[in-house]
Amino acid sequence: MRLRSVLAWASTAALAATIGLSANQVPAATAAEETWVSEATLAGVSDSVTATYLDLLAGSVPAEEVEIGAVDAYMADHGVDASAANRNLAIQAAFTELDGHISQIAGDVLSSTWTHHGKVPVLEVRLKEGTDDATIVKALTDLSPLIVVTVGADESAARDLQAVATALAGLDGVVGIGVDGATGKVQVDVGAELRGSAGADDAVRSSLTQSGILPESVIIEVSEGTVGDTRRGGLHMSSCTTGFSVQNSSGTKGIITAGHCGNSQSYRLYGSPTWYSMTYQNELRSANADLQWHTTAATEEPRFHANSTSSSRVLTSVVPRADQGGDYVCSRGKASGYRCGNLTSISYQPTWSGACPNTTCNAVFVRVDAGTAGGDSGSPWFNANAGYGIQKGGSSTYSVYTSTNYFGSLGVAVFYG
């Protein structure tokens, strides 16, 4: 049975009947009262859901909708065995299938969703500040016992992010600021400029304290190596990596990559010494995006390289930025190869030099706990057959990408197989 058939239900009880669970095997779903879901609430959900429910839900997901190649990395990142990693990645795919139902139920009061990874993945549905509709909350939590609902989390985070950004304005060495989506704390990435014997984060802590912000409420991470867009990189390009296949409104097809890459590019297939020319079409380096696209003499296909260089995958969908929160995602870069990590922020503002030329970047980029290296820019971020975005920059400890939401601003859209 395909997952889309399984998720045609409108209640947990219906799902239980569909996959053969008795009523006492399906616990009640949870509605969190706090603005940010607490560790206690997450632990309560994990402890209340039966292994039978989890295994049957995971088993209902088609294999092609699970990022199987990420199992080893997921095991290392989350301290689980191979069986739990496979199961949790399948449950993440099930959450993706729930997005449409969640949007229909919540409508305009839906803000975003966030997947909390742990012993058991839990999906937090975040409603807009001021929402007070018990009917909506019940309908959402009835979808699955793995759903919790919070209200006002994103607005609270946006205010905190603005306060920290103001406090640190003009401080050399702060290379990025974003909301850590799992905890609600503001994360500040610090580059080599603030290194010193007294501690790399002392200047940040001092500026926060002077502004009346408790440093303990901020996550400060020191980046290793150089941070920025100088991370040139699916397929090898002259100085970057190809992303997804795209087309414009006239039906002209091409390949998208990062906007800061050079306009003159060629590409080659894996295992081949032959380079093929590309024709530059347009680029967008704005407060929201770092993108460009090229056409080639080849017939573009909706495929990309993931955990294999000998075979490619068909792109079947994209995931909007608001639905990406907390997902475990992967990329194929020219330099780093196949790599995966936890998505930590969907509200990230790169502040390194030249990040958004002639303007200040908006907090709409996405941050992943997976490092990057020279050659990776433009590479695709994905989970299974779904596209998430295009690599922008980062450091050896994390990556930043432009969400697929902004492809339309370049005048193109991905096409599917």
Protein backbone atom coordinates (compact mmCIF):
# COMPACT_ATOMS: atom_id res chain seq x y z
CA MET A 1 0.00 0.00 0.00
CA ARG A 2 1.44 3.37 -0.96
CA LEU A 3 1.77 6.08 1.68
CA ARG A 4 -0.47 8.50 -0.19
CA SER A 5 -3.28 5.98 0.18
CA VAL A 6 -2.48 5.51 3.86
CA LEU A 7 -2.58 9.25 4.49
CA ALA A 8 -5.94 9.77 2.82
CA TRP A 9 -7.45 9.35 6.29
CA ALA A 10 -8.62 12.30 8.35
CA SER A 11 -8.05 10.88 11.83
CA THR A 12 -5.69 8.71 13.82
CA ALA A 13 -8.48 6.21 14.36
CA ALA A 14 -8.90 5.81 10.61
CA LEU A 15 -5.15 5.32 10.20
CA ALA A 16 -5.20 2.71 12.93
CA ALA A 17 -7.89 0.78 11.11
CA THR A 18 -6.08 1.16 7.79
CA ILE A 19 -2.78 -0.29 9.00
CA GLY A 20 -4.29 -2.80 11.37
CA LEU A 21 -3.84 -1.24 14.81
CA SER A 22 -6.26 -1.73 17.66
CA ALA A 23 -7.52 1.33 19.52
CA ASN A 24 -5.32 0.66 22.56
CA GLN A 25 -2.19 0.73 20.40
CA VAL A 26 -2.74 4.35 19.32
CA PRO A 27 -2.21 6.93 22.08
CA ALA A 28 -3.89 10.30 22.20
CA ALA A 29 -2.09 13.07 20.32
CA THR A 30 -0.60 16.00 22.18
CA ALA A 31 -1.36 19.73 22.14
CA ALA A 32 1.49 21.65 23.75
CA GLU A 33 0.61 24.69 25.83
CA GLU A 34 4.02 26.34 25.66
CA THR A 35 5.07 28.70 22.88
CA TRP A 36 8.05 26.47 22.16
CA VAL A 37 7.57 22.75 22.59
CA SER A 38 9.50 21.55 25.64
CA GLU A 39 11.80 18.58 25.97
CA ALA A 40 9.33 17.12 28.45
CA THR A 41 6.53 17.27 25.89
CA LEU A 42 8.71 15.66 23.23
CA ALA A 43 9.76 12.92 25.64
CA GLY A 44 6.12 12.33 26.56
CA VAL A 45 5.18 11.81 22.92
CA SER A 46 8.13 9.46 22.32
CA ASP A 47 7.26 7.38 25.37
CA SER A 48 3.55 7.14 24.58
CA VAL A 49 3.71 5.90 20.98
CA THR A 50 3.91 2.15 20.55
CA ALA A 51 6.59 0.41 18.51
CA THR A 52 3.81 -1.27 16.52
CA TYR A 53 2.42 2.07 15.42
CA LEU A 54 5.85 3.38 14.47
CA ASP A 55 6.85 0.30 12.52
CA LEU A 56 3.60 0.13 10.58
CA LEU A 57 3.67 3.85 9.80
CA ALA A 58 7.27 3.58 8.59
CA GLY A 59 6.46 0.44 6.64
CA SER A 60 3.69 2.21 4.76
CA VAL A 61 6.22 4.57 3.11
CA PRO A 62 7.47 3.50 -0.35
CA ALA A 63 11.23 2.92 -0.42
CA GLU A 64 11.77 5.60 -3.08
CA GLU A 65 10.43 8.25 -0.68
CA VAL A 66 13.09 7.53 1.97
CA GLU A 67 16.67 8.84 1.87
CA ILE A 68 18.16 5.37 2.32
CA GLY A 69 21.70 6.56 1.63
CA ALA A 70 21.57 8.73 4.76
CA VAL A 71 21.22 5.85 7.22
CA ASP A 72 24.88 5.73 8.28
CA ALA A 73 25.08 9.50 8.76
CA TYR A 74 21.77 9.53 10.65
CA MET A 75 23.03 6.77 12.97
CA ALA A 76 26.14 8.80 13.80
CA ASP A 77 24.28 12.10 14.24
CA HIS A 78 21.46 10.73 16.40
CA GLY A 79 23.03 7.82 18.24
CA VAL A 80 20.56 5.19 17.01
CA ASP A 81 21.04 1.81 15.35
CA ALA A 82 20.42 1.07 11.68
CA SER A 83 16.88 -0.19 12.26
CA ALA A 84 15.83 2.98 14.11
CA ALA A 85 17.57 5.19 11.53
CA ASN A 86 15.68 3.52 8.67
CA ARG A 87 12.44 3.80 10.58
CA ASN A 88 12.93 7.46 11.56
CA LEU A 89 13.83 8.51 8.02
CA ALA A 90 10.67 6.78 6.79
CA ILE A 91 8.61 8.59 9.44
CA GLN A 92 10.11 11.88 8.27
CA ALA A 93 8.85 11.03 4.79
CA ALA A 94 5.42 10.34 6.29
CA PHE A 95 5.47 13.81 7.84
CA THR A 96 6.14 15.30 4.41
CA GLU A 97 3.02 13.57 3.14
CA LEU A 98 1.06 15.15 6.00
CA ASP A 99 1.90 18.70 4.92
CA GLY A 100 -1.09 18.97 2.60
CA HIS A 101 -3.53 17.82 5.28
CA ILE A 102 -1.99 20.24 7.79
CA SER A 103 -2.31 23.16 5.35
CA GLN A 104 -5.94 22.34 4.65
CA ILE A 105 -6.81 22.19 8.35
CA ALA A 106 -4.85 25.21 9.59
CA GLY A 107 -5.24 27.49 6.56
CA ASP A 108 -4.01 31.04 7.10
CA VAL A 109 -3.06 30.46 10.75
CA LEU A 110 -0.36 27.91 9.84
CA SER A 111 3.11 29.37 10.30
CA SER A 112 5.52 26.44 9.82
CA THR A 113 6.28 22.87 10.82
CA TRP A 114 9.34 21.41 12.50
CA THR A 115 10.55 17.83 12.81
CA HIS A 116 12.24 17.05 16.12
CA HIS A 117 14.59 14.09 15.76
CA GLY A 118 15.32 11.87 18.71
CA LYS A 119 14.41 8.36 19.74
CA VAL A 120 11.18 8.98 17.82
CA PRO A 121 10.59 11.86 15.35
CA VAL A 122 7.91 14.30 16.50
CA LEU A 123 6.26 16.84 14.20
CA GLU A 124 5.61 20.27 15.71
CA VAL A 125 2.94 22.29 13.90
CA ARG A 126 3.39 25.99 14.61
CA LEU A 127 0.37 28.25 14.40
CA LYS A 128 0.49 32.03 14.16
CA GLU A 129 0.53 34.18 17.26
CA GLY A 130 -2.91 34.82 18.73
CA THR A 131 -4.50 31.69 17.27
CA ASP A 132 -7.10 30.38 19.73
CA ASP A 133 -9.13 27.74 17.96
CA ALA A 134 -9.48 24.46 19.80
CA THR A 135 -11.19 22.91 16.77
CA ILE A 136 -8.09 23.45 14.61
CA VAL A 137 -5.77 22.13 17.31
CA LYS A 138 -7.86 18.99 17.77
CA ALA A 139 -8.07 18.36 14.03
CA LEU A 140 -4.28 18.68 13.72
CA THR A 141 -3.46 16.43 16.65
CA ASP A 142 -6.03 13.90 15.44
CA LEU A 143 -3.89 13.40 12.32
CA SER A 144 -1.22 11.53 14.27
CA PRO A 145 -0.06 10.89 17.84
CA LEU A 146 3.32 12.19 16.68
CA ILE A 147 2.01 15.75 16.23
CA VAL A 148 2.20 18.55 18.80
CA VAL A 149 0.84 22.05 18.26
CA THR A 150 2.35 25.32 19.49
CA VAL A 151 1.20 28.90 19.00
CA GLY A 152 3.34 31.99 18.39
CA ALA A 153 6.73 30.28 18.23
CA ASP A 154 7.82 31.82 14.93
CA GLU A 155 6.79 35.36 15.90
CA SER A 156 8.60 35.04 19.23
CA ALA A 157 11.71 33.82 17.43
CA ALA A 158 11.55 36.67 14.90
CA ARG A 159 11.54 39.25 17.70
CA ASP A 160 14.49 37.58 19.40
CA LEU A 161 16.38 37.37 16.12
CA GLN A 162 15.89 41.08 15.46
CA ALA A 163 17.06 41.98 18.96
CA VAL A 164 20.24 39.92 18.62
CA ALA A 165 20.90 41.24 15.10
CA THR A 166 20.61 44.81 16.40
CA ALA A 167 22.91 44.08 19.34
CA LEU A 168 25.58 42.59 17.09
CA ALA A 169 25.28 45.04 14.19
CA GLY A 170 28.72 46.05 12.96
CA LEU A 171 30.61 43.48 15.03
CA ASP A 172 33.34 42.05 12.80
CA GLY A 173 33.47 38.29 12.64
CA VAL A 174 29.76 37.50 12.99
CA VAL A 175 29.15 35.55 9.79
CA GLY A 176 25.52 34.53 10.25
CA ILE A 177 22.52 34.77 12.56
CA GLY A 178 19.48 32.52 12.60
CA VAL A 179 16.83 30.90 14.74
CA ASP A 180 17.67 27.40 15.92
CA GLY A 181 14.38 25.83 15.04
CA ALA A 182 14.52 23.03 17.57
CA THR A 183 15.06 25.21 20.65
CA GLY A 184 13.86 28.68 19.67
CA LYS A 185 17.22 30.17 20.62
CA VAL A 186 19.04 32.54 18.29
CA GLN A 187 22.19 30.98 16.84
CA VAL A 188 25.18 33.19 16.09
CA ASP A 189 27.91 31.82 13.83
CA VAL A 190 31.32 33.36 14.50
CA GLY A 191 34.22 33.34 12.06
CA ALA A 192 37.95 33.44 12.49
CA GLU A 193 38.00 37.23 12.96
CA LEU A 194 36.80 36.84 16.56
CA ARG A 195 39.29 34.17 17.54
CA GLY A 196 41.63 34.99 20.36
CA SER A 197 43.19 33.73 23.56
CA ALA A 198 40.29 35.08 25.62
CA GLY A 199 37.79 33.01 23.67
CA ALA A 200 36.29 33.44 20.23
CA ASP A 201 32.83 34.30 21.50
CA ASP A 202 33.74 36.86 24.18
CA ALA A 203 33.03 39.86 21.94
CA VAL A 204 29.62 38.46 21.07
CA ARG A 205 28.75 37.79 24.70
CA SER A 206 29.88 41.27 25.71
CA SER A 207 27.75 42.94 23.03
CA LEU A 208 24.71 40.89 24.02
CA THR A 209 25.13 41.68 27.70
CA GLN A 210 25.47 45.41 27.00
CA SER A 211 22.19 45.25 25.08
CA GLY A 212 20.39 43.50 27.92
CA ILE A 213 20.29 40.10 26.24
CA LEU A 214 21.28 37.06 28.28
CA PRO A 215 24.13 35.28 26.45
CA GLU A 216 22.74 31.99 27.78
CA SER A 217 19.68 32.50 25.58
CA VAL A 218 21.87 32.52 22.45
CA ILE A 219 23.75 29.63 20.83
CA ILE A 220 27.22 30.79 19.80
CA GLU A 221 29.17 28.53 17.44
CA VAL A 222 32.71 29.15 16.24
CA SER A 223 33.19 28.13 12.61
CA GLU A 224 36.28 26.27 11.51
CA GLY A 225 38.08 27.66 8.49
CA THR A 226 36.90 30.35 6.13
CA VAL A 227 33.21 31.21 5.96
CA GLY A 228 31.59 32.68 2.86
CA ASP A 229 30.44 32.18 -0.69
CA THR A 230 33.83 31.00 -1.95
CA ARG A 231 32.55 27.44 -2.00
CA ARG A 232 32.43 26.76 -5.72
CA GLY A 233 30.95 23.63 -6.76
CA GLY A 234 25.15 16.73 -8.72
CA LEU A 235 27.66 17.20 -11.78
CA HIS A 236 31.03 18.91 -12.02
CA MET A 237 30.97 22.46 -13.43
CA SER A 238 34.04 24.55 -14.15
CA SER A 239 33.87 26.22 -10.76
CA CYS A 240 30.63 24.94 -9.17
CA THR A 241 28.18 22.03 -9.01
CA THR A 242 24.98 21.69 -11.02
CA GLY A 243 21.73 21.79 -9.09
CA PHE A 244 18.31 20.85 -10.43
CA SER A 245 16.92 21.03 -13.95
CA VAL A 246 14.65 24.03 -14.49
CA GLN A 247 12.60 25.69 -17.20
CA ASN A 248 11.27 29.19 -17.85
CA SER A 249 7.74 30.22 -18.81
CA SER A 250 8.53 29.63 -22.50
CA GLY A 251 9.53 26.04 -21.81
CA THR A 252 13.26 26.58 -22.31
CA LYS A 253 15.07 24.08 -20.09
CA GLY A 254 18.38 24.42 -18.30
CA ILE A 255 20.29 23.85 -15.05
CA ILE A 256 20.25 25.99 -11.92
CA THR A 257 23.28 26.69 -9.73
CA ALA A 258 24.51 29.41 -7.34
CA GLY A 259 24.44 33.04 -8.46
CA HIS A 260 27.93 33.85 -7.17
CA CYS A 261 29.45 31.27 -9.53
CA GLY A 262 31.16 32.61 -12.63
CA ASN A 263 28.97 33.21 -15.68
CA SER A 264 31.24 31.20 -17.96
CA GLN A 265 30.78 27.52 -17.14
CA SER A 266 31.14 24.02 -18.58
CA TYR A 267 30.11 20.68 -17.12
CA ARG A 268 31.10 17.03 -17.37
CA LEU A 269 29.56 13.69 -16.47
CA TYR A 270 31.00 11.54 -13.70
CA GLY A 271 33.80 9.32 -15.00
CA SER A 272 34.10 11.31 -18.21
CA PRO A 273 36.98 13.63 -19.19
CA THR A 274 34.81 15.47 -21.72
CA TRP A 275 33.59 18.96 -20.88
CA TYR A 276 30.39 20.39 -22.39
CA SER A 277 29.69 24.09 -22.76
CA MET A 278 26.88 25.92 -20.98
CA THR A 279 25.17 29.17 -21.95
CA TYR A 280 24.55 31.69 -19.18
CA GLN A 281 20.95 32.94 -19.03
CA ASN A 282 20.35 35.00 -15.90
CA GLU A 283 21.23 35.32 -12.22
CA LEU A 284 19.68 36.58 -9.00
CA ARG A 285 21.76 37.78 -6.06
CA SER A 286 19.22 39.40 -3.81
CA ALA A 287 18.37 39.60 -0.12
CA ASN A 288 16.54 36.28 -0.50
CA ALA A 289 18.45 34.25 -3.09
CA ASP A 290 21.79 33.32 -4.65
CA LEU A 291 20.89 31.69 -7.97
CA GLN A 292 21.70 31.55 -11.68
CA TRP A 293 20.79 29.26 -14.55
CA HIS A 294 22.36 28.04 -17.79
CA THR A 295 21.17 26.17 -20.85
CA THR A 296 23.10 23.39 -22.59
CA ALA A 297 23.05 21.60 -25.92
CA ALA A 298 21.78 18.45 -24.19
CA THR A 299 18.17 17.50 -23.53
CA GLU A 300 17.65 18.35 -19.86
CA GLU A 301 16.08 15.65 -17.71
CA PRO A 302 14.47 16.07 -14.27
CA ARG A 303 17.21 14.04 -12.63
CA PHE A 304 20.06 14.67 -10.18
CA HIS A 305 22.91 12.73 -8.59
CA ALA A 306 22.49 11.89 -4.89
CA ASN A 307 24.27 9.03 -3.11
CA SER A 308 25.50 7.57 -6.39
CA THR A 309 27.60 8.95 -9.23
CA SER A 310 26.75 6.05 -11.52
CA SER A 311 22.99 6.50 -11.36
CA SER A 312 20.70 9.48 -10.83
CA ARG A 313 17.31 10.12 -9.27
CA VAL A 314 14.15 11.55 -10.72
CA LEU A 315 12.95 14.77 -9.11
CA THR A 316 9.27 14.36 -8.23
CA SER A 317 8.51 17.34 -5.96
CA VAL A 318 9.86 20.27 -3.95
CA VAL A 319 9.34 21.04 -0.27
CA PRO A 320 8.47 24.67 0.64
CA ARG A 321 10.74 26.38 3.16
CA ALA A 322 8.01 26.54 5.84
CA ASP A 323 7.71 22.73 5.69
CA GLN A 324 11.44 21.98 5.74
CA GLY A 325 12.01 22.65 9.42
CA GLY A 326 14.07 20.04 11.24
CA ASP A 327 14.32 17.66 8.29
CA TYR A 328 17.34 15.46 7.79
CA VAL A 329 18.57 16.45 4.31
CA CYS A 330 21.41 15.59 1.96
CA SER A 331 23.43 17.11 -0.86
CA ARG A 332 25.78 16.07 -3.65
CA GLY A 333 28.66 18.51 -4.03
CA LYS A 334 31.55 18.53 -6.47
CA ALA A 335 34.08 18.68 -3.63
CA SER A 336 32.36 17.10 -0.62
CA GLY A 337 30.43 14.41 -2.45
CA TYR A 338 27.32 13.00 -0.80
CA ARG A 339 26.73 14.40 2.68
CA CYS A 340 23.78 14.73 5.06
CA GLY A 341 22.82 16.63 8.19
CA ASN A 342 20.10 18.11 10.33
CA LEU A 343 18.44 21.26 9.07
CA THR A 344 18.85 23.67 11.99
CA SER A 345 17.24 26.90 10.77
CA ILE A 346 14.83 28.06 8.08
CA SER A 347 15.32 31.68 9.21
CA TYR A 348 19.02 32.20 8.65
CA GLN A 349 20.66 35.53 7.76
CA PRO A 350 24.15 35.24 6.25
CA THR A 351 26.23 38.25 7.34
CA TRP A 352 29.63 37.33 5.94
CA SER A 353 31.27 39.82 3.59
CA GLY A 354 29.49 40.01 0.23
CA ALA A 355 26.82 37.48 1.20
CA CYS A 356 24.10 39.57 -0.48
CA PRO A 357 25.83 42.22 -2.64
CA ASN A 358 24.57 45.81 -2.24
CA THR A 359 21.97 44.78 0.32
CA THR A 360 21.51 43.00 3.64
CA CYS A 361 20.46 39.37 3.46
CA ASN A 362 17.03 38.57 4.82
CA ALA A 363 16.57 35.79 7.37
CA VAL A 364 15.12 33.40 4.78
CA PHE A 365 18.10 31.18 3.99
CA VAL A 366 18.40 27.65 5.36
CA ARG A 367 21.21 26.30 7.56
CA VAL A 368 22.26 22.64 7.77
CA ASP A 369 24.71 20.97 10.15
CA ALA A 370 26.80 19.54 7.32
CA GLY A 371 30.04 21.12 6.18
CA THR A 372 30.93 22.37 2.73
CA ALA A 373 34.15 22.68 0.75
CA GLY A 374 35.44 24.54 -2.28
CA GLY A 375 33.51 23.33 -5.30
CA ASP A 376 30.12 22.67 -3.66
CA SER A 377 28.23 25.88 -4.45
CA GLY A 378 25.16 25.33 -6.58
CA SER A 379 24.74 21.73 -5.46
CA PRO A 380 21.24 20.39 -4.81
CA TRP A 381 19.81 19.86 -1.32
CA PHE A 382 17.19 17.14 -1.21
CA ASN A 383 15.53 14.31 0.64
CA ALA A 384 14.79 11.22 -1.45
CA ASN A 385 13.16 12.55 -4.66
CA ALA A 386 12.12 15.94 -3.22
CA GLY A 387 14.13 19.13 -3.81
CA TYR A 388 14.88 21.57 -0.98
CA GLY A 389 17.31 24.17 -2.31
CA ILE A 390 20.63 25.19 -3.87
CA GLN A 391 23.92 25.47 -1.96
CA LYS A 392 25.07 29.02 -1.25
CA GLY A 393 28.00 28.86 1.18
CA GLY A 394 29.06 28.10 4.73
CA SER A 395 32.14 26.55 6.33
CA SER A 396 33.64 23.16 7.09
CA THR A 397 31.05 22.71 9.85
CA TYR A 398 27.79 23.90 8.26
CA SER A 399 26.12 24.77 4.96
CA VAL A 400 23.66 27.47 3.87
CA TYR A 401 21.29 27.16 0.91
CA THR A 402 18.66 29.11 -1.01
CA SER A 403 15.24 27.49 -0.75
CA THR A 404 13.37 26.38 -3.86
CA ASN A 405 10.76 28.99 -2.88
CA TYR A 406 12.84 31.65 -4.62
CA PHE A 407 13.45 29.95 -7.95
CA GLY A 408 10.44 31.82 -9.36
CA SER A 409 12.17 35.14 -8.66
CA LEU A 410 14.77 34.07 -11.21
CA GLY A 411 12.01 33.36 -13.72
CA VAL A 412 12.35 29.58 -13.65
CA ALA A 413 10.79 26.58 -11.97
CA VAL A 414 11.91 23.00 -11.51
CA PHE A 415 10.20 20.39 -13.65
CA TYR A 416 9.44 16.86 -12.57
CA GLY A 417 9.76 13.37 -13.90
